Amino acid sequence: MTTSFLLIVQIILVIVLIIAVLLQKSSSIGLGAYSGSNDSVFGAKGPSSFLAKTTFAIGFLFVVNTITLGYMYSVASSESVVDNLIESTDVRAPSTAKTVEPQSETTPAE
């Protein structure tokens, strides 16, 4: 239940992070040209510093959420595939094959 919620949060963070990066002003025009003028609610510098801080915060949340998801998935799967493979091919485990009794070496009389 918790991992499902964190996975949904991860997808939302990815989408918001992509949008925040695309809205920033770059050396080329990009999508930053459509972010508004300098007379905006973000101050005299425009949205550049606000978007940079927002991008940093979203990126930090993304990294923390990724580490949390990795930890939760590693705790949920306590056994690895290699452990299961070793247990199934263990030589000390009793074999399920039928034991074949050796036949005597005497030949039948003709």
PDB file of N, CA and C in Angstrom:
ATOM      1  N   MET A   1       0.833  -1.196   0.000  1.00  0.00           N
ATOM      2  CA  MET A   1       0.000   0.000   0.000  1.00  0.00           C
ATOM      3  C   MET A   1       0.873   1.253   0.000  1.00  0.00           C
ATOM      4  N   THR A   2       1.852   1.288   0.859  1.00  0.00           N
ATOM      5  CA  THR A   2       2.721   2.457   0.954  1.00  0.00           C
ATOM      6  C   THR A   2       3.598   2.593  -0.283  1.00  0.00           C
ATOM      7  N   THR A   3       4.082   1.461  -0.794  1.00  0.00           N
ATOM      8  CA  THR A   3       4.922   1.533  -1.988  1.00  0.00           C
ATOM      9  C   THR A   3       4.120   1.993  -3.190  1.00  0.00           C
ATOM     10  N   SER A   4       2.847   1.624  -3.254  1.00  0.00           N
ATOM     11  CA  SER A   4       2.002   2.088  -4.362  1.00  0.00           C
ATOM     12  C   SER A   4       1.824   3.600  -4.304  1.00  0.00           C
ATOM     13  N   PHE A   5       1.602   4.121  -3.095  1.00  0.00           N
ATOM     14  CA  PHE A   5       1.460   5.570  -2.933  1.00  0.00           C
ATOM     15  C   PHE A   5       2.742   6.296  -3.318  1.00  0.00           C
ATOM     16  N   LEU A   6       3.893   5.769  -2.866  1.00  0.00           N
ATOM     17  CA  LEU A   6       5.168   6.413  -3.190  1.00  0.00           C
ATOM     18  C   LEU A   6       5.480   6.327  -4.685  1.00  0.00           C
ATOM     19  N   LEU A   7       5.035   5.254  -5.329  1.00  0.00           N
ATOM     20  CA  LEU A   7       5.242   5.140  -6.774  1.00  0.00           C
ATOM     21  C   LEU A   7       4.399   6.168  -7.534  1.00  0.00           C
ATOM     22  N   ILE A   8       3.193   6.418  -7.072  1.00  0.00           N
ATOM     23  CA  ILE A   8       2.355   7.452  -7.691  1.00  0.00           C
ATOM     24  C   ILE A   8       2.971   8.831  -7.471  1.00  0.00           C
ATOM     25  N   VAL A   9       3.480   9.082  -6.251  1.00  0.00           N
ATOM     26  CA  VAL A   9       4.159  10.353  -5.956  1.00  0.00           C
ATOM     27  C   VAL A   9       5.386  10.507  -6.850  1.00  0.00           C
ATOM     28  N   GLN A  10       6.102   9.406  -7.087  1.00  0.00           N
ATOM     29  CA  GLN A  10       7.291   9.441  -7.951  1.00  0.00           C
ATOM     30  C   GLN A  10       6.919   9.868  -9.368  1.00  0.00           C
ATOM     31  N   ILE A  11       5.842   9.321  -9.898  1.00  0.00           N
ATOM     32  CA  ILE A  11       5.413   9.679 -11.257  1.00  0.00           C
ATOM     33  C   ILE A  11       5.009  11.146 -11.325  1.00  0.00           C
ATOM     34  N   ILE A  12       4.304  11.624 -10.306  1.00  0.00           N
ATOM     35  CA  ILE A  12       3.905  13.037 -10.274  1.00  0.00           C
ATOM     36  C   ILE A  12       5.138  13.935 -10.180  1.00  0.00           C
ATOM     37  N   LEU A  13       6.118  13.547  -9.348  1.00  0.00           N
ATOM     38  CA  LEU A  13       7.344  14.339  -9.228  1.00  0.00           C
ATOM     39  C   LEU A  13       8.107  14.397 -10.548  1.00  0.00           C
ATOM     40  N   VAL A  14       8.126  13.307 -11.274  1.00  0.00           N
ATOM     41  CA  VAL A  14       8.819  13.290 -12.570  1.00  0.00           C
ATOM     42  C   VAL A  14       8.167  14.272 -13.533  1.00  0.00           C
ATOM     43  N   ILE A  15       6.848  14.242 -13.598  1.00  0.00           N
ATOM     44  CA  ILE A  15       6.139  15.137 -14.525  1.00  0.00           C
ATOM     45  C   ILE A  15       6.362  16.596 -14.141  1.00  0.00           C
ATOM     46  N   VAL A  16       6.263  16.914 -12.851  1.00  0.00           N
ATOM     47  CA  VAL A  16       6.450  18.305 -12.405  1.00  0.00           C
ATOM     48  C   VAL A  16       7.895  18.746 -12.613  1.00  0.00           C
ATOM     49  N   LEU A  17       8.854  17.841 -12.387  1.00  0.00           N
ATOM     50  CA  LEU A  17      10.258  18.176 -12.594  1.00  0.00           C
ATOM     51  C   LEU A  17      10.552  18.467 -14.067  1.00  0.00           C
ATOM     52  N   ILE A  18       9.980  17.680 -14.955  1.00  0.00           N
ATOM     53  CA  ILE A  18      10.167  17.922 -16.390  1.00  0.00           C
ATOM     54  C   ILE A  18       9.595  19.275 -16.788  1.00  0.00           C
ATOM     55  N   ILE A  19       8.417  19.592 -16.280  1.00  0.00           N
ATOM     56  CA  ILE A  19       7.794  20.883 -16.604  1.00  0.00           C
ATOM     57  C   ILE A  19       8.635  22.036 -16.050  1.00  0.00           C
ATOM     58  N   ALA A  20       9.143  21.888 -14.817  1.00  0.00           N
ATOM     59  CA  ALA A  20       9.952  22.956 -14.213  1.00  0.00           C
ATOM     60  C   ALA A  20      11.249  23.178 -14.981  1.00  0.00           C
ATOM     61  N   VAL A  21      11.845  22.112 -15.477  1.00  0.00           N
ATOM     62  CA  VAL A  21      13.086  22.259 -16.243  1.00  0.00           C
ATOM     63  C   VAL A  21      12.800  22.898 -17.604  1.00  0.00           C
ATOM     64  N   LEU A  22      11.707  22.501 -18.237  1.00  0.00           N
ATOM     65  CA  LEU A  22      11.394  23.057 -19.556  1.00  0.00           C
ATOM     66  C   LEU A  22      10.985  24.522 -19.500  1.00  0.00           C
ATOM     67  N   LEU A  23      10.456  24.980 -18.370  1.00  0.00           N
ATOM     68  CA  LEU A  23      10.040  26.379 -18.262  1.00  0.00           C
ATOM     69  C   LEU A  23      11.200  27.326 -17.982  1.00  0.00           C
ATOM     70  N   GLN A  24      12.333  26.815 -17.592  1.00  0.00           N
ATOM     71  CA  GLN A  24      13.468  27.683 -17.283  1.00  0.00           C
ATOM     72  C   GLN A  24      14.054  28.269 -18.555  1.00  0.00           C
ATOM     73  N   LYS A  25      14.594  29.458 -18.391  1.00  0.00           N
ATOM     74  CA  LYS A  25      15.211  30.140 -19.513  1.00  0.00           C
ATOM     75  C   LYS A  25      16.564  29.520 -19.791  1.00  0.00           C
ATOM     76  N   SER A  26      16.823  29.258 -21.048  1.00  0.00           N
ATOM     77  CA  SER A  26      18.108  28.688 -21.413  1.00  0.00           C
ATOM     78  C   SER A  26      18.826  29.637 -22.368  1.00  0.00           C
ATOM     79  N   SER A  27      19.964  29.215 -22.881  1.00  0.00           N
ATOM     80  CA  SER A  27      20.694  30.068 -23.815  1.00  0.00           C
ATOM     81  C   SER A  27      19.928  30.194 -25.133  1.00  0.00           C
ATOM     82  N   SER A  28      19.190  29.164 -25.491  1.00  0.00           N
ATOM     83  CA  SER A  28      18.317  29.285 -26.653  1.00  0.00           C
ATOM     84  C   SER A  28      16.934  29.696 -26.157  1.00  0.00           C
ATOM     85  N   ILE A  29      16.015  29.890 -27.064  1.00  0.00           N
ATOM     86  CA  ILE A  29      14.685  30.371 -26.678  1.00  0.00           C
ATOM     87  C   ILE A  29      13.960  29.335 -25.829  1.00  0.00           C
ATOM     88  N   GLY A  30      13.783  28.108 -26.289  1.00  0.00           N
ATOM     89  CA  GLY A  30      13.135  27.050 -25.512  1.00  0.00           C
ATOM     90  C   GLY A  30      11.742  27.428 -25.061  1.00  0.00           C
ATOM     91  N   LEU A  31      11.235  26.744 -24.071  1.00  0.00           N
ATOM     92  CA  LEU A  31       9.913  27.047 -23.523  1.00  0.00           C
ATOM     93  C   LEU A  31       9.981  28.151 -22.472  1.00  0.00           C
ATOM     94  N   GLY A  32      11.161  28.580 -22.098  1.00  0.00           N
ATOM     95  CA  GLY A  32      11.310  29.648 -21.117  1.00  0.00           C
ATOM     96  C   GLY A  32      10.793  30.984 -21.623  1.00  0.00           C
ATOM     97  N   ALA A  33      10.666  31.148 -22.923  1.00  0.00           N
ATOM     98  CA  ALA A  33      10.169  32.395 -23.492  1.00  0.00           C
ATOM     99  C   ALA A  33       8.695  32.604 -23.183  1.00  0.00           C
ATOM    100  N   TYR A  34       7.990  31.546 -22.872  1.00  0.00           N
ATOM    101  CA  TYR A  34       6.554  31.650 -22.628  1.00  0.00           C
ATOM    102  C   TYR A  34       6.228  31.785 -21.154  1.00  0.00           C
ATOM    103  N   SER A  35       7.220  32.013 -20.304  1.00  0.00           N
ATOM    104  CA  SER A  35       6.981  32.048 -18.865  1.00  0.00           C
ATOM    105  C   SER A  35       6.506  33.407 -18.362  1.00  0.00           C
ATOM    106  N   GLY A  36       6.431  34.409 -19.176  1.00  0.00           N
ATOM    107  CA  GLY A  36       5.914  35.701 -18.741  1.00  0.00           C
ATOM    108  C   GLY A  36       6.952  36.794 -18.825  1.00  0.00           C
ATOM    109  N   SER A  37       6.556  37.985 -18.417  1.00  0.00           N
ATOM    110  CA  SER A  37       7.457  39.132 -18.483  1.00  0.00           C
ATOM    111  C   SER A  37       8.096  39.370 -17.122  1.00  0.00           C
ATOM    112  N   ASN A  38       8.897  40.426 -17.026  1.00  0.00           N
ATOM    113  CA  ASN A  38       9.559  40.756 -15.769  1.00  0.00           C
ATOM    114  C   ASN A  38       8.603  41.354 -14.747  1.00  0.00           C
ATOM    115  N   ASP A  39       7.463  41.808 -15.155  1.00  0.00           N
ATOM    116  CA  ASP A  39       6.487  42.395 -14.242  1.00  0.00           C
ATOM    117  C   ASP A  39       5.550  41.312 -13.701  1.00  0.00           C
ATOM    118  N   SER A  40       6.104  40.251 -13.216  1.00  0.00           N
ATOM    119  CA  SER A  40       5.272  39.141 -12.756  1.00  0.00           C
ATOM    120  C   SER A  40       5.248  39.091 -11.242  1.00  0.00           C
ATOM    121  N   VAL A  41       4.521  38.162 -10.693  1.00  0.00           N
ATOM    122  CA  VAL A  41       4.414  38.018  -9.251  1.00  0.00           C
ATOM    123  C   VAL A  41       5.689  37.467  -8.636  1.00  0.00           C
ATOM    124  N   PHE A  42       6.634  37.028  -9.449  1.00  0.00           N
ATOM    125  CA  PHE A  42       7.851  36.426  -8.932  1.00  0.00           C
ATOM    126  C   PHE A  42       8.904  37.468  -8.568  1.00  0.00           C
ATOM    127  N   GLY A  43       8.712  38.732  -8.907  1.00  0.00           N
ATOM    128  CA  GLY A  43       9.672  39.775  -8.563  1.00  0.00           C
ATOM    129  C   GLY A  43      10.293  40.398  -9.796  1.00  0.00           C
ATOM    130  N   ALA A  44      11.293  41.260  -9.556  1.00  0.00           N
ATOM    131  CA  ALA A  44      11.910  42.002 -10.648  1.00  0.00           C
ATOM    132  C   ALA A  44      12.780  41.117 -11.525  1.00  0.00           C
ATOM    133  N   LYS A  45      13.363  40.077 -10.943  1.00  0.00           N
ATOM    134  CA  LYS A  45      14.216  39.192 -11.735  1.00  0.00           C
ATOM    135  C   LYS A  45      13.412  38.251 -12.613  1.00  0.00           C
ATOM    136  N   GLY A  46      12.133  38.181 -12.382  1.00  0.00           N
ATOM    137  CA  GLY A  46      11.309  37.265 -13.154  1.00  0.00           C
ATOM    138  C   GLY A  46      11.290  35.892 -12.501  1.00  0.00           C
ATOM    139  N   PRO A  47      10.801  34.924 -13.218  1.00  0.00           N
ATOM    140  CA  PRO A  47      10.624  33.602 -12.626  1.00  0.00           C
ATOM    141  C   PRO A  47      11.893  32.760 -12.584  1.00  0.00           C
ATOM    142  N   SER A  48      13.022  33.299 -13.056  1.00  0.00           N
ATOM    143  CA  SER A  48      14.219  32.466 -13.168  1.00  0.00           C
ATOM    144  C   SER A  48      14.704  31.950 -11.813  1.00  0.00           C
ATOM    145  N   SER A  49      14.813  32.818 -10.823  1.00  0.00           N
ATOM    146  CA  SER A  49      15.295  32.342  -9.522  1.00  0.00           C
ATOM    147  C   SER A  49      14.245  31.480  -8.829  1.00  0.00           C
ATOM    148  N   PHE A  50      12.965  31.840  -8.986  1.00  0.00           N
ATOM    149  CA  PHE A  50      11.893  31.044  -8.405  1.00  0.00           C
ATOM    150  C   PHE A  50      11.876  29.646  -9.017  1.00  0.00           C
ATOM    151  N   LEU A  51      12.005  29.563 -10.338  1.00  0.00           N
ATOM    152  CA  LEU A  51      12.004  28.263 -10.999  1.00  0.00           C
ATOM    153  C   LEU A  51      13.247  27.449 -10.649  1.00  0.00           C
ATOM    154  N   ALA A  52      14.363  28.115 -10.460  1.00  0.00           N
ATOM    155  CA  ALA A  52      15.580  27.387 -10.079  1.00  0.00           C
ATOM    156  C   ALA A  52      15.427  26.788  -8.684  1.00  0.00           C
ATOM    157  N   LYS A  53      14.870  27.551  -7.751  1.00  0.00           N
ATOM    158  CA  LYS A  53      14.652  27.031  -6.404  1.00  0.00           C
ATOM    159  C   LYS A  53      13.609  25.919  -6.406  1.00  0.00           C
ATOM    160  N   THR A  54      12.564  26.098  -7.186  1.00  0.00           N
ATOM    161  CA  THR A  54      11.523  25.070  -7.290  1.00  0.00           C
ATOM    162  C   THR A  54      12.079  23.790  -7.900  1.00  0.00           C
ATOM    163  N   THR A  55      12.887  23.934  -8.926  1.00  0.00           N
ATOM    164  CA  THR A  55      13.488  22.761  -9.566  1.00  0.00           C
ATOM    165  C   THR A  55      14.394  22.028  -8.601  1.00  0.00           C
ATOM    166  N   PHE A  56      15.167  22.770  -7.808  1.00  0.00           N
ATOM    167  CA  PHE A  56      16.031  22.145  -6.813  1.00  0.00           C
ATOM    168  C   PHE A  56      15.204  21.393  -5.774  1.00  0.00           C
ATOM    169  N   ALA A  57      14.129  22.008  -5.292  1.00  0.00           N
ATOM    170  CA  ALA A  57      13.288  21.374  -4.268  1.00  0.00           C
ATOM    171  C   ALA A  57      12.628  20.111  -4.815  1.00  0.00           C
ATOM    172  N   ILE A  58      12.107  20.178  -6.037  1.00  0.00           N
ATOM    173  CA  ILE A  58      11.466  19.008  -6.638  1.00  0.00           C
ATOM    174  C   ILE A  58      12.493  17.915  -6.907  1.00  0.00           C
ATOM    175  N   GLY A  59      13.676  18.314  -7.346  1.00  0.00           N
ATOM    176  CA  GLY A  59      14.735  17.331  -7.563  1.00  0.00           C
ATOM    177  C   GLY A  59      15.154  16.654  -6.269  1.00  0.00           C
ATOM    178  N   PHE A  60      15.237  17.420  -5.187  1.00  0.00           N
ATOM    179  CA  PHE A  60      15.576  16.847  -3.889  1.00  0.00           C
ATOM    180  C   PHE A  60      14.505  15.863  -3.434  1.00  0.00           C
ATOM    181  N   LEU A  61      13.226  16.237  -3.567  1.00  0.00           N
ATOM    182  CA  LEU A  61      12.134  15.328  -3.216  1.00  0.00           C
ATOM    183  C   LEU A  61      12.160  14.073  -4.071  1.00  0.00           C
ATOM    184  N   PHE A  62      12.500  14.217  -5.347  1.00  0.00           N
ATOM    185  CA  PHE A  62      12.597  13.071  -6.249  1.00  0.00           C
ATOM    186  C   PHE A  62      13.676  12.088  -5.789  1.00  0.00           C
ATOM    187  N   VAL A  63      14.839  12.617  -5.403  1.00  0.00           N
ATOM    188  CA  VAL A  63      15.935  11.751  -4.954  1.00  0.00           C
ATOM    189  C   VAL A  63      15.567  11.059  -3.644  1.00  0.00           C
ATOM    190  N   VAL A  64      14.972  11.790  -2.700  1.00  0.00           N
ATOM    191  CA  VAL A  64      14.575  11.198  -1.424  1.00  0.00           C
ATOM    192  C   VAL A  64      13.521  10.121  -1.648  1.00  0.00           C
ATOM    193  N   ASN A  65      12.556  10.386  -2.524  1.00  0.00           N
ATOM    194  CA  ASN A  65      11.508   9.410  -2.818  1.00  0.00           C
ATOM    195  C   ASN A  65      12.097   8.178  -3.503  1.00  0.00           C
ATOM    196  N   THR A  66      13.074   8.359  -4.379  1.00  0.00           N
ATOM    197  CA  THR A  66      13.716   7.233  -5.054  1.00  0.00           C
ATOM    198  C   THR A  66      14.462   6.351  -4.067  1.00  0.00           C
ATOM    199  N   ILE A  67      15.197   6.964  -3.140  1.00  0.00           N
ATOM    200  CA  ILE A  67      15.928   6.193  -2.131  1.00  0.00           C
ATOM    201  C   ILE A  67      14.950   5.454  -1.217  1.00  0.00           C
ATOM    202  N   THR A  68      13.855   6.114  -0.841  1.00  0.00           N
ATOM    203  CA  THR A  68      12.849   5.473   0.004  1.00  0.00           C
ATOM    204  C   THR A  68      12.210   4.290  -0.700  1.00  0.00           C
ATOM    205  N   LEU A  69      11.868   4.454  -1.966  1.00  0.00           N
ATOM    206  CA  LEU A  69      11.294   3.351  -2.732  1.00  0.00           C
ATOM    207  C   LEU A  69      12.277   2.186  -2.842  1.00  0.00           C
ATOM    208  N   GLY A  70      13.531   2.484  -3.094  1.00  0.00           N
ATOM    209  CA  GLY A  70      14.535   1.429  -3.180  1.00  0.00           C
ATOM    210  C   GLY A  70      14.680   0.670  -1.879  1.00  0.00           C
ATOM    211  N   TYR A  71      14.662   1.387  -0.770  1.00  0.00           N
ATOM    212  CA  TYR A  71      14.761   0.743   0.539  1.00  0.00           C
ATOM    213  C   TYR A  71      13.541  -0.131   0.805  1.00  0.00           C
ATOM    214  N   MET A  72      12.360   0.390   0.507  1.00  0.00           N
ATOM    215  CA  MET A  72      11.140  -0.373   0.778  1.00  0.00           C
ATOM    216  C   MET A  72      11.047  -1.626  -0.085  1.00  0.00           C
ATOM    217  N   TYR A  73      11.467  -1.527  -1.342  1.00  0.00           N
ATOM    218  CA  TYR A  73      11.451  -2.713  -2.198  1.00  0.00           C
ATOM    219  C   TYR A  73      12.502  -3.726  -1.757  1.00  0.00           C
ATOM    220  N   SER A  74      13.645  -3.262  -1.254  1.00  0.00           N
ATOM    221  CA  SER A  74      14.666  -4.212  -0.807  1.00  0.00           C
ATOM    222  C   SER A  74      14.254  -4.909   0.485  1.00  0.00           C
ATOM    223  N   VAL A  75      13.537  -4.223   1.352  1.00  0.00           N
ATOM    224  CA  VAL A  75      13.042  -4.847   2.576  1.00  0.00           C
ATOM    225  C   VAL A  75      11.935  -5.847   2.249  1.00  0.00           C
ATOM    226  N   ALA A  76      11.098  -5.515   1.268  1.00  0.00           N
ATOM    227  CA  ALA A  76       9.981  -6.392   0.912  1.00  0.00           C
ATOM    228  C   ALA A  76      10.466  -7.710   0.330  1.00  0.00           C
ATOM    229  N   SER A  77      11.538  -7.681  -0.406  1.00  0.00           N
ATOM    230  CA  SER A  77      12.064  -8.923  -0.971  1.00  0.00           C
ATOM    231  C   SER A  77      13.307  -9.317  -0.187  1.00  0.00           C
ATOM    232  N   SER A  78      13.107 -10.099   0.863  1.00  0.00           N
ATOM    233  CA  SER A  78      14.235 -10.453   1.732  1.00  0.00           C
ATOM    234  C   SER A  78      15.128 -11.510   1.108  1.00  0.00           C
ATOM    235  N   GLU A  79      14.594 -12.316   0.197  1.00  0.00           N
ATOM    236  CA  GLU A  79      15.400 -13.330  -0.463  1.00  0.00           C
ATOM    237  C   GLU A  79      15.691 -12.894  -1.885  1.00  0.00           C
ATOM    238  N   SER A  80      16.870 -13.231  -2.323  1.00  0.00           N
ATOM    239  CA  SER A  80      17.224 -12.900  -3.692  1.00  0.00           C
ATOM    240  C   SER A  80      16.993 -14.107  -4.588  1.00  0.00           C
ATOM    241  N   VAL A  81      17.075 -13.883  -5.855  1.00  0.00           N
ATOM    242  CA  VAL A  81      16.905 -14.956  -6.826  1.00  0.00           C
ATOM    243  C   VAL A  81      18.032 -15.976  -6.672  1.00  0.00           C
ATOM    244  N   VAL A  82      19.223 -15.515  -6.367  1.00  0.00           N
ATOM    245  CA  VAL A  82      20.363 -16.416  -6.197  1.00  0.00           C
ATOM    246  C   VAL A  82      20.147 -17.316  -4.982  1.00  0.00           C
ATOM    247  N   ASP A  83      19.603 -16.765  -3.892  1.00  0.00           N
ATOM    248  CA  ASP A  83      19.326 -17.587  -2.719  1.00  0.00           C
ATOM    249  C   ASP A  83      18.328 -18.690  -3.046  1.00  0.00           C
ATOM    250  N   ASN A  84      17.287 -18.351  -3.778  1.00  0.00           N
ATOM    251  CA  ASN A  84      16.302 -19.355  -4.169  1.00  0.00           C
ATOM    252  C   ASN A  84      16.910 -20.406  -5.085  1.00  0.00           C
ATOM    253  N   LEU A  85      17.794 -20.014  -5.960  1.00  0.00           N
ATOM    254  CA  LEU A  85      18.437 -20.947  -6.877  1.00  0.00           C
ATOM    255  C   LEU A  85      19.360 -21.892  -6.121  1.00  0.00           C
ATOM    256  N   ILE A  86      20.090 -21.384  -5.149  1.00  0.00           N
ATOM    257  CA  ILE A  86      20.997 -22.220  -4.360  1.00  0.00           C
ATOM    258  C   ILE A  86      20.194 -23.228  -3.530  1.00  0.00           C
ATOM    259  N   GLU A  87      19.081 -22.788  -2.966  1.00  0.00           N
ATOM    260  CA  GLU A  87      18.258 -23.697  -2.170  1.00  0.00           C
ATOM    261  C   GLU A  87      17.662 -24.812  -3.024  1.00  0.00           C
ATOM    262  N   SER A  88      17.308 -24.525  -4.253  1.00  0.00           N
ATOM    263  CA  SER A  88      16.689 -25.551  -5.096  1.00  0.00           C
ATOM    264  C   SER A  88      17.714 -26.543  -5.633  1.00  0.00           C
ATOM    265  N   THR A  89      18.985 -26.177  -5.707  1.00  0.00           N
ATOM    266  CA  THR A  89      20.008 -27.087  -6.227  1.00  0.00           C
ATOM    267  C   THR A  89      20.972 -27.543  -5.131  1.00  0.00           C
ATOM    268  N   ASP A  90      20.547 -27.466  -3.893  1.00  0.00           N
ATOM    269  CA  ASP A  90      21.403 -27.848  -2.770  1.00  0.00           C
ATOM    270  C   ASP A  90      21.671 -29.349  -2.810  1.00  0.00           C
ATOM    271  N   VAL A  91      22.945 -29.759  -2.701  1.00  0.00           N
ATOM    272  CA  VAL A  91      23.310 -31.171  -2.784  1.00  0.00           C
ATOM    273  C   VAL A  91      22.932 -31.910  -1.516  1.00  0.00           C
ATOM    274  N   ARG A  92      22.752 -31.203  -0.430  1.00  0.00           N
ATOM    275  CA  ARG A  92      22.367 -31.862   0.818  1.00  0.00           C
ATOM    276  C   ARG A  92      20.884 -32.174   0.861  1.00  0.00           C
ATOM    277  N   ALA A  93      20.113 -31.591  -0.030  1.00  0.00           N
ATOM    278  CA  ALA A  93      18.681 -31.854  -0.049  1.00  0.00           C
ATOM    279  C   ALA A  93      18.436 -33.269  -0.544  1.00  0.00           C
ATOM    280  N   PRO A  94      17.439 -33.951   0.022  1.00  0.00           N
ATOM    281  CA  PRO A  94      17.166 -35.317  -0.434  1.00  0.00           C
ATOM    282  C   PRO A  94      16.705 -35.318  -1.878  1.00  0.00           C
ATOM    283  N   SER A  95      17.178 -36.292  -2.612  1.00  0.00           N
ATOM    284  CA  SER A  95      16.848 -36.330  -4.020  1.00  0.00           C
ATOM    285  C   SER A  95      15.514 -37.026  -4.210  1.00  0.00           C
ATOM    286  N   THR A  96      14.785 -36.596  -5.194  1.00  0.00           N
ATOM    287  CA  THR A  96      13.474 -37.183  -5.466  1.00  0.00           C
ATOM    288  C   THR A  96      13.557 -38.280  -6.511  1.00  0.00           C
ATOM    289  N   ALA A  97      14.737 -38.499  -7.055  1.00  0.00           N
ATOM    290  CA  ALA A  97      14.887 -39.537  -8.071  1.00  0.00           C
ATOM    291  C   ALA A  97      14.868 -40.912  -7.411  1.00  0.00           C
ATOM    292  N   LYS A  98      14.381 -41.893  -8.166  1.00  0.00           N
ATOM    293  CA  LYS A  98      14.335 -43.265  -7.654  1.00  0.00           C
ATOM    294  C   LYS A  98      15.759 -43.818  -7.578  1.00  0.00           C
ATOM    295  N   THR A  99      16.011 -44.573  -6.524  1.00  0.00           N
ATOM    296  CA  THR A  99      17.319 -45.193  -6.410  1.00  0.00           C
ATOM    297  C   THR A  99      17.311 -46.495  -7.194  1.00  0.00           C
ATOM    298  N   VAL A 100      18.330 -46.686  -7.933  1.00  0.00           N
ATOM    299  CA  VAL A 100      18.439 -47.884  -8.764  1.00  0.00           C
ATOM    300  C   VAL A 100      19.370 -48.853  -8.055  1.00  0.00           C
ATOM    301  N   GLU A 101      18.877 -50.065  -7.826  1.00  0.00           N
ATOM    302  CA  GLU A 101      19.702 -51.068  -7.168  1.00  0.00           C
ATOM    303  C   GLU A 101      20.624 -51.694  -8.199  1.00  0.00           C
ATOM    304  N   PRO A 102      21.878 -51.929  -7.828  1.00  0.00           N
ATOM    305  CA  PRO A 102      22.788 -52.536  -8.806  1.00  0.00           C
ATOM    306  C   PRO A 102      22.377 -53.982  -9.078  1.00  0.00           C
ATOM    307  N   GLN A 103      22.461 -54.351 -10.335  1.00  0.00           N
ATOM    308  CA  GLN A 103      22.105 -55.707 -10.717  1.00  0.00           C
ATOM    309  C   GLN A 103      23.304 -56.621 -10.515  1.00  0.00           C
ATOM    310  N   SER A 104      23.026 -57.861 -10.260  1.00  0.00           N
ATOM    311  CA  SER A 104      24.130 -58.792 -10.057  1.00  0.00           C
ATOM    312  C   SER A 104      24.821 -59.069 -11.372  1.00  0.00           C
ATOM    313  N   GLU A 105      26.077 -59.425 -11.274  1.00  0.00           N
ATOM    314  CA  GLU A 105      26.864 -59.627 -12.471  1.00  0.00           C
ATOM    315  C   GLU A 105      26.784 -61.042 -13.016  1.00  0.00           C
ATOM    316  N   THR A 106      25.980 -61.818 -12.455  1.00  0.00           N
ATOM    317  CA  THR A 106      25.851 -63.198 -12.960  1.00  0.00           C
ATOM    318  C   THR A 106      25.017 -63.186 -14.212  1.00  0.00           C
ATOM    319  N   THR A 107      25.422 -64.020 -15.137  1.00  0.00           N
ATOM    320  CA  THR A 107      24.678 -64.131 -16.390  1.00  0.00           C
ATOM    321  C   THR A 107      23.762 -65.340 -16.304  1.00  0.00           C
ATOM    322  N   PRO A 108      22.618 -65.217 -16.898  1.00  0.00           N
ATOM    323  CA  PRO A 108      21.696 -66.372 -16.848  1.00  0.00           C
ATOM    324  C   PRO A 108      22.270 -67.547 -17.631  1.00  0.00           C
ATOM    325  N   ALA A 109      21.946 -68.724 -17.189  1.00  0.00           N
ATOM    326  CA  ALA A 109      22.427 -69.933 -17.874  1.00  0.00           C
ATOM    327  C   ALA A 109      21.725 -70.104 -19.195  1.00  0.00           C
ATOM    328  N   GLU A 110      22.481 -70.604 -20.157  1.00  0.00           N
ATOM    329  CA  GLU A 110      21.890 -70.772 -21.477  1.00  0.00           C
ATOM    330  C   GLU A 110      21.253 -72.087 -21.619  1.00  0.00           C
TER     331      GLU A 110
END
